[in-house]
């Protein structure tokens, strides 16, 4: 797998119950931008990347 050039060797990746709430918080509190969003087909997000500084932060929903 080729790692995208804009990825750093170590990046935070958060797994949580509701990524939408977290993404909205980070966008409002830190003026972050959604960089890459992969929908899950059920009005949710399978994978998301948000960015306000380097590195980007990846998020994914926890499956319980």
PDB file of N, CA and C in Angstrom:
ATOM      1  N   UNK A   1       0.831  -1.175   0.000  1.00  0.00           N
ATOM      2  CA  UNK A   1       0.000   0.000   0.000  1.00  0.00           C
ATOM      3  C   UNK A   1       0.876   1.238   0.000  1.00  0.00           C
ATOM      4  N   UNK A   2       0.605   2.149  -0.915  1.00  0.00           N
ATOM      5  CA  UNK A   2       1.353   3.397  -0.970  1.00  0.00           C
ATOM      6  C   UNK A   2       0.722   4.403  -0.012  1.00  0.00           C
ATOM      7  N   UNK A   3       1.519   4.912   0.909  1.00  0.00           N
ATOM      8  CA  UNK A   3       1.030   5.892   1.879  1.00  0.00           C
ATOM      9  C   UNK A   3       0.999   7.254   1.202  1.00  0.00           C
ATOM     10  N   UNK A   4      -0.136   7.975   1.295  1.00  0.00           N
ATOM     11  CA  UNK A   4      -0.216   9.299   0.680  1.00  0.00           C
ATOM     12  C   UNK A   4       0.877  10.235   1.198  1.00  0.00           C
ATOM     13  N   UNK A   5       1.368  11.092   0.332  1.00  0.00           N
ATOM     14  CA  UNK A   5       2.476  11.980   0.673  1.00  0.00           C
ATOM     15  C   UNK A   5       2.160  12.906   1.835  1.00  0.00           C
ATOM     16  N   UNK A   6       0.898  13.318   1.981  1.00  0.00           N
ATOM     17  CA  UNK A   6       0.569  14.270   3.052  1.00  0.00           C
ATOM     18  C   UNK A   6       0.427  13.603   4.418  1.00  0.00           C
ATOM     19  N   UNK A   7       0.529  12.278   4.496  1.00  0.00           N
ATOM     20  CA  UNK A   7       0.476  11.578   5.783  1.00  0.00           C
ATOM     21  C   UNK A   7       1.852  11.620   6.436  1.00  0.00           C
ATOM     22  N   UNK A   8       1.860  11.799   7.748  1.00  0.00           N
ATOM     23  CA  UNK A   8       3.102  11.753   8.507  1.00  0.00           C
ATOM     24  C   UNK A   8       3.314  10.330   9.023  1.00  0.00           C
ATOM     25  N   UNK A   9       4.523  10.005   9.480  1.00  0.00           N
ATOM     26  CA  UNK A   9       4.779   8.646   9.963  1.00  0.00           C
ATOM     27  C   UNK A   9       3.892   8.234  11.147  1.00  0.00           C
ATOM     28  N   UNK A  10       3.475   9.193  11.952  1.00  0.00           N
ATOM     29  CA  UNK A  10       2.622   8.903  13.096  1.00  0.00           C
ATOM     30  C   UNK A  10       1.470   9.902  13.095  1.00  0.00           C
ATOM     31  N   UNK A  11       0.246   9.372  13.068  1.00  0.00           N
ATOM     32  CA  UNK A  11      -0.940  10.233  13.038  1.00  0.00           C
ATOM     33  C   UNK A  11      -1.948   9.719  14.051  1.00  0.00           C
ATOM     34  N   UNK A  12      -2.661  10.634  14.742  1.00  0.00           N
ATOM     35  CA  UNK A  12      -3.712  10.176  15.654  1.00  0.00           C
ATOM     36  C   UNK A  12      -4.876   9.564  14.880  1.00  0.00           C
ATOM     37  N   UNK A  13      -5.440   8.494  15.425  1.00  0.00           N
ATOM     38  CA  UNK A  13      -6.601   7.839  14.827  1.00  0.00           C
ATOM     39  C   UNK A  13      -7.543   7.494  15.963  1.00  0.00           C
ATOM     40  N   UNK A  14      -8.685   8.133  16.013  1.00  0.00           N
ATOM     41  CA  UNK A  14      -9.610   8.005  17.126  1.00  0.00           C
ATOM     42  C   UNK A  14     -10.783   7.105  16.771  1.00  0.00           C
ATOM     43  N   UNK A  15     -11.127   6.208  17.690  1.00  0.00           N
ATOM     44  CA  UNK A  15     -12.272   5.320  17.523  1.00  0.00           C
ATOM     45  C   UNK A  15     -13.272   5.691  18.610  1.00  0.00           C
ATOM     46  N   UNK A  16     -14.488   6.068  18.194  1.00  0.00           N
ATOM     47  CA  UNK A  16     -15.479   6.550  19.157  1.00  0.00           C
ATOM     48  C   UNK A  16     -16.877   6.191  18.711  1.00  0.00           C
ATOM     49  N   UNK A  17     -17.835   6.334  19.628  1.00  0.00           N
ATOM     50  CA  UNK A  17     -19.222   5.973  19.314  1.00  0.00           C
ATOM     51  C   UNK A  17     -19.854   6.903  18.295  1.00  0.00           C
ATOM     52  N   UNK A  18     -19.650   8.214  18.408  1.00  0.00           N
ATOM     53  CA  UNK A  18     -20.321   9.151  17.505  1.00  0.00           C
ATOM     54  C   UNK A  18     -19.314  10.120  16.908  1.00  0.00           C
ATOM     55  N   UNK A  19     -18.797   9.762  15.754  1.00  0.00           N
ATOM     56  CA  UNK A  19     -17.783  10.610  15.119  1.00  0.00           C
ATOM     57  C   UNK A  19     -18.371  11.933  14.637  1.00  0.00           C
ATOM     58  N   UNK A  20     -19.667  11.966  14.331  1.00  0.00           N
ATOM     59  CA  UNK A  20     -20.285  13.202  13.840  1.00  0.00           C
ATOM     60  C   UNK A  20     -20.222  14.291  14.907  1.00  0.00           C
ATOM     61  N   UNK A  21     -20.516  13.954  16.152  1.00  0.00           N
ATOM     62  CA  UNK A  21     -20.455  14.934  17.242  1.00  0.00           C
ATOM     63  C   UNK A  21     -19.030  15.427  17.411  1.00  0.00           C
ATOM     64  N   UNK A  22     -18.060  14.526  17.385  1.00  0.00           N
ATOM     65  CA  UNK A  22     -16.666  14.915  17.535  1.00  0.00           C
ATOM     66  C   UNK A  22     -16.219  15.823  16.390  1.00  0.00           C
ATOM     67  N   UNK A  23     -16.564  15.441  15.154  1.00  0.00           N
ATOM     68  CA  UNK A  23     -16.150  16.257  14.005  1.00  0.00           C
ATOM     69  C   UNK A  23     -16.745  17.650  14.090  1.00  0.00           C
ATOM     70  N   UNK A  24     -18.017  17.770  14.463  1.00  0.00           N
ATOM     71  CA  UNK A  24     -18.637  19.091  14.600  1.00  0.00           C
ATOM     72  C   UNK A  24     -17.962  19.903  15.701  1.00  0.00           C
ATOM     73  N   UNK A  25     -17.634  19.269  16.829  1.00  0.00           N
ATOM     74  CA  UNK A  25     -16.940  19.957  17.910  1.00  0.00           C
ATOM     75  C   UNK A  25     -15.600  20.511  17.434  1.00  0.00           C
ATOM     76  N   UNK A  26     -14.807  19.670  16.790  1.00  0.00           N
ATOM     77  CA  UNK A  26     -13.476  20.093  16.340  1.00  0.00           C
ATOM     78  C   UNK A  26     -13.580  21.192  15.283  1.00  0.00           C
ATOM     79  N   UNK A  27     -14.568  21.090  14.395  1.00  0.00           N
ATOM     80  CA  UNK A  27     -14.745  22.142  13.382  1.00  0.00           C
ATOM     81  C   UNK A  27     -15.109  23.474  14.042  1.00  0.00           C
ATOM     82  N   UNK A  28     -15.989  23.436  15.039  1.00  0.00           N
ATOM     83  CA  UNK A  28     -16.410  24.677  15.704  1.00  0.00           C
ATOM     84  C   UNK A  28     -15.355  25.223  16.655  1.00  0.00           C
ATOM     85  N   UNK A  29     -14.711  24.358  17.419  1.00  0.00           N
ATOM     86  CA  UNK A  29     -13.759  24.808  18.434  1.00  0.00           C
ATOM     87  C   UNK A  29     -12.402  25.204  17.849  1.00  0.00           C
ATOM     88  N   UNK A  30     -11.965  24.512  16.811  1.00  0.00           N
ATOM     89  CA  UNK A  30     -10.611  24.707  16.298  1.00  0.00           C
ATOM     90  C   UNK A  30     -10.553  25.101  14.829  1.00  0.00           C
ATOM     91  N   UNK A  31     -11.705  25.385  14.246  1.00  0.00           N
ATOM     92  CA  UNK A  31     -11.785  25.754  12.832  1.00  0.00           C
ATOM     93  C   UNK A  31     -11.178  24.677  11.927  1.00  0.00           C
ATOM     94  N   UNK A  32     -11.345  23.415  12.334  1.00  0.00           N
ATOM     95  CA  UNK A  32     -10.836  22.295  11.527  1.00  0.00           C
ATOM     96  C   UNK A  32     -11.716  22.114  10.298  1.00  0.00           C
ATOM     97  N   UNK A  33     -11.177  21.476   9.300  1.00  0.00           N
ATOM     98  CA  UNK A  33     -11.892  21.191   8.053  1.00  0.00           C
ATOM     99  C   UNK A  33     -11.950  19.680   7.843  1.00  0.00           C
ATOM    100  N   UNK A  34     -13.087  19.207   7.343  1.00  0.00           N
ATOM    101  CA  UNK A  34     -13.164  17.802   6.965  1.00  0.00           C
ATOM    102  C   UNK A  34     -12.365  17.633   5.683  1.00  0.00           C
ATOM    103  N   UNK A  35     -11.377  16.768   5.750  1.00  0.00           N
ATOM    104  CA  UNK A  35     -10.477  16.602   4.614  1.00  0.00           C
ATOM    105  C   UNK A  35     -10.894  15.430   3.734  1.00  0.00           C
ATOM    106  N   UNK A  36     -11.349  14.353   4.350  1.00  0.00           N
ATOM    107  CA  UNK A  36     -11.670  13.140   3.603  1.00  0.00           C
ATOM    108  C   UNK A  36     -12.731  12.387   4.393  1.00  0.00           C
ATOM    109  N   UNK A  37     -13.880  12.125   3.787  1.00  0.00           N
ATOM    110  CA  UNK A  37     -14.977  11.440   4.460  1.00  0.00           C
ATOM    111  C   UNK A  37     -15.421  10.250   3.604  1.00  0.00           C
ATOM    112  N   UNK A  38     -15.516   9.069   4.226  1.00  0.00           N
ATOM    113  CA  UNK A  38     -16.014   7.871   3.551  1.00  0.00           C
ATOM    114  C   UNK A  38     -17.350   7.506   4.196  1.00  0.00           C
ATOM    115  N   UNK A  39     -18.464   7.712   3.488  1.00  0.00           N
ATOM    116  CA  UNK A  39     -19.773   7.381   4.060  1.00  0.00           C
ATOM    117  C   UNK A  39     -19.935   5.870   4.227  1.00  0.00           C
ATOM    118  N   UNK A  40     -20.773   5.494   5.204  1.00  0.00           N
ATOM    119  CA  UNK A  40     -20.994   4.067   5.445  1.00  0.00           C
ATOM    120  C   UNK A  40     -22.250   3.539   4.763  1.00  0.00           C
ATOM    121  N   UNK A  41     -23.004   4.393   4.067  1.00  0.00           N
ATOM    122  CA  UNK A  41     -24.217   3.956   3.381  1.00  0.00           C
ATOM    123  C   UNK A  41     -25.464   4.040   4.225  1.00  0.00           C
ATOM    124  N   UNK A  42     -25.324   4.370   5.516  1.00  0.00           N
ATOM    125  CA  UNK A  42     -26.467   4.485   6.430  1.00  0.00           C
ATOM    126  C   UNK A  42     -26.527   5.876   7.058  1.00  0.00           C
ATOM    127  N   UNK A  43     -26.189   6.898   6.297  1.00  0.00           N
ATOM    128  CA  UNK A  43     -26.127   8.279   6.785  1.00  0.00           C
ATOM    129  C   UNK A  43     -25.063   8.472   7.855  1.00  0.00           C
ATOM    130  N   UNK A  44     -24.095   7.599   7.919  1.00  0.00           N
ATOM    131  CA  UNK A  44     -22.991   7.726   8.863  1.00  0.00           C
ATOM    132  C   UNK A  44     -21.677   7.804   8.118  1.00  0.00           C
ATOM    133  N   UNK A  45     -20.603   7.733   8.864  1.00  0.00           N
ATOM    134  CA  UNK A  45     -19.266   7.822   8.293  1.00  0.00           C
ATOM    135  C   UNK A  45     -18.467   6.589   8.698  1.00  0.00           C
ATOM    136  N   UNK A  46     -17.892   5.897   7.710  1.00  0.00           N
ATOM    137  CA  UNK A  46     -17.055   4.737   7.959  1.00  0.00           C
ATOM    138  C   UNK A  46     -15.652   5.174   8.375  1.00  0.00           C
ATOM    139  N   UNK A  47     -15.170   6.244   7.749  1.00  0.00           N
ATOM    140  CA  UNK A  47     -13.828   6.775   8.024  1.00  0.00           C
ATOM    141  C   UNK A  47     -13.857   8.257   7.712  1.00  0.00           C
ATOM    142  N   UNK A  48     -13.198   9.037   8.542  1.00  0.00           N
ATOM    143  CA  UNK A  48     -13.120  10.464   8.286  1.00  0.00           C
ATOM    144  C   UNK A  48     -11.760  11.009   8.658  1.00  0.00           C
ATOM    145  N   UNK A  49     -11.363  12.086   7.998  1.00  0.00           N
ATOM    146  CA  UNK A  49     -10.126  12.777   8.334  1.00  0.00           C
ATOM    147  C   UNK A  49     -10.433  14.256   8.467  1.00  0.00           C
ATOM    148  N   UNK A  50      -9.995  14.821   9.580  1.00  0.00           N
ATOM    149  CA  UNK A  50     -10.177  16.243   9.820  1.00  0.00           C
ATOM    150  C   UNK A  50      -8.808  16.869   9.996  1.00  0.00           C
ATOM    151  N   UNK A  51      -8.729  18.148   9.661  1.00  0.00           N
ATOM    152  CA  UNK A  51      -7.417  18.789   9.677  1.00  0.00           C
ATOM    153  C   UNK A  51      -7.538  20.230  10.130  1.00  0.00           C
ATOM    154  N   UNK A  52      -6.718  20.597  11.106  1.00  0.00           N
ATOM    155  CA  UNK A  52      -6.533  22.001  11.438  1.00  0.00           C
ATOM    156  C   UNK A  52      -5.056  22.298  11.649  1.00  0.00           C
ATOM    157  N   UNK A  53      -4.269  21.268  11.864  1.00  0.00           N
ATOM    158  CA  UNK A  53      -2.811  21.375  11.956  1.00  0.00           C
ATOM    159  C   UNK A  53      -2.236  20.082  11.390  1.00  0.00           C
ATOM    160  N   UNK A  54      -0.934  19.989  11.365  1.00  0.00           N
ATOM    161  CA  UNK A  54      -0.304  18.714  10.994  1.00  0.00           C
ATOM    162  C   UNK A  54      -0.125  17.914  12.266  1.00  0.00           C
ATOM    163  N   UNK A  55      -0.372  16.661  12.323  1.00  0.00           N
ATOM    164  CA  UNK A  55      -0.928  15.838  11.264  1.00  0.00           C
ATOM    165  C   UNK A  55      -2.449  15.883  11.262  1.00  0.00           C
ATOM    166  N   UNK A  56      -3.034  15.297  10.239  1.00  0.00           N
ATOM    167  CA  UNK A  56      -4.471  15.133  10.209  1.00  0.00           C
ATOM    168  C   UNK A  56      -4.878  14.152  11.313  1.00  0.00           C
ATOM    169  N   UNK A  57      -6.153  14.186  11.675  1.00  0.00           N
ATOM    170  CA  UNK A  57      -6.659  13.236  12.667  1.00  0.00           C
ATOM    171  C   UNK A  57      -7.693  12.349  11.984  1.00  0.00           C
ATOM    172  N   UNK A  58      -7.507  11.044  12.075  1.00  0.00           N
ATOM    173  CA  UNK A  58      -8.458  10.100  11.499  1.00  0.00           C
ATOM    174  C   UNK A  58      -9.471   9.691  12.551  1.00  0.00           C
ATOM    175  N   UNK A  59     -10.700   9.434  12.118  1.00  0.00           N
ATOM    176  CA  UNK A  59     -11.747   8.976  13.035  1.00  0.00           C
ATOM    177  C   UNK A  59     -12.498   7.807  12.403  1.00  0.00           C
ATOM    178  N   UNK A  60     -13.003   6.954  13.258  1.00  0.00           N
ATOM    179  CA  UNK A  60     -13.859   5.860  12.812  1.00  0.00           C
ATOM    180  C   UNK A  60     -14.821   5.523  13.940  1.00  0.00           C
ATOM    181  N   UNK A  61     -16.023   5.063  13.606  1.00  0.00           N
ATOM    182  CA  UNK A  61     -16.969   4.716  14.662  1.00  0.00           C
ATOM    183  C   UNK A  61     -16.596   3.411  15.351  1.00  0.00           C
ATOM    184  N   UNK A  62     -16.875   3.343  16.651  1.00  0.00           N
ATOM    185  CA  UNK A  62     -16.687   2.107  17.405  1.00  0.00           C
ATOM    186  C   UNK A  62     -17.876   1.201  17.117  1.00  0.00           C
ATOM    187  N   UNK A  63     -17.623  -0.050  16.886  1.00  0.00           N
ATOM    188  CA  UNK A  63     -18.697  -1.004  16.638  1.00  0.00           C
ATOM    189  C   UNK A  63     -18.894  -1.828  17.893  1.00  0.00           C
ATOM    190  N   UNK A  64     -20.052  -1.656  18.506  1.00  0.00           N
ATOM    191  CA  UNK A  64     -20.318  -2.392  19.749  1.00  0.00           C
ATOM    192  C   UNK A  64     -21.403  -3.398  19.550  1.00  0.00           C
TER     193      UNK A  64
END
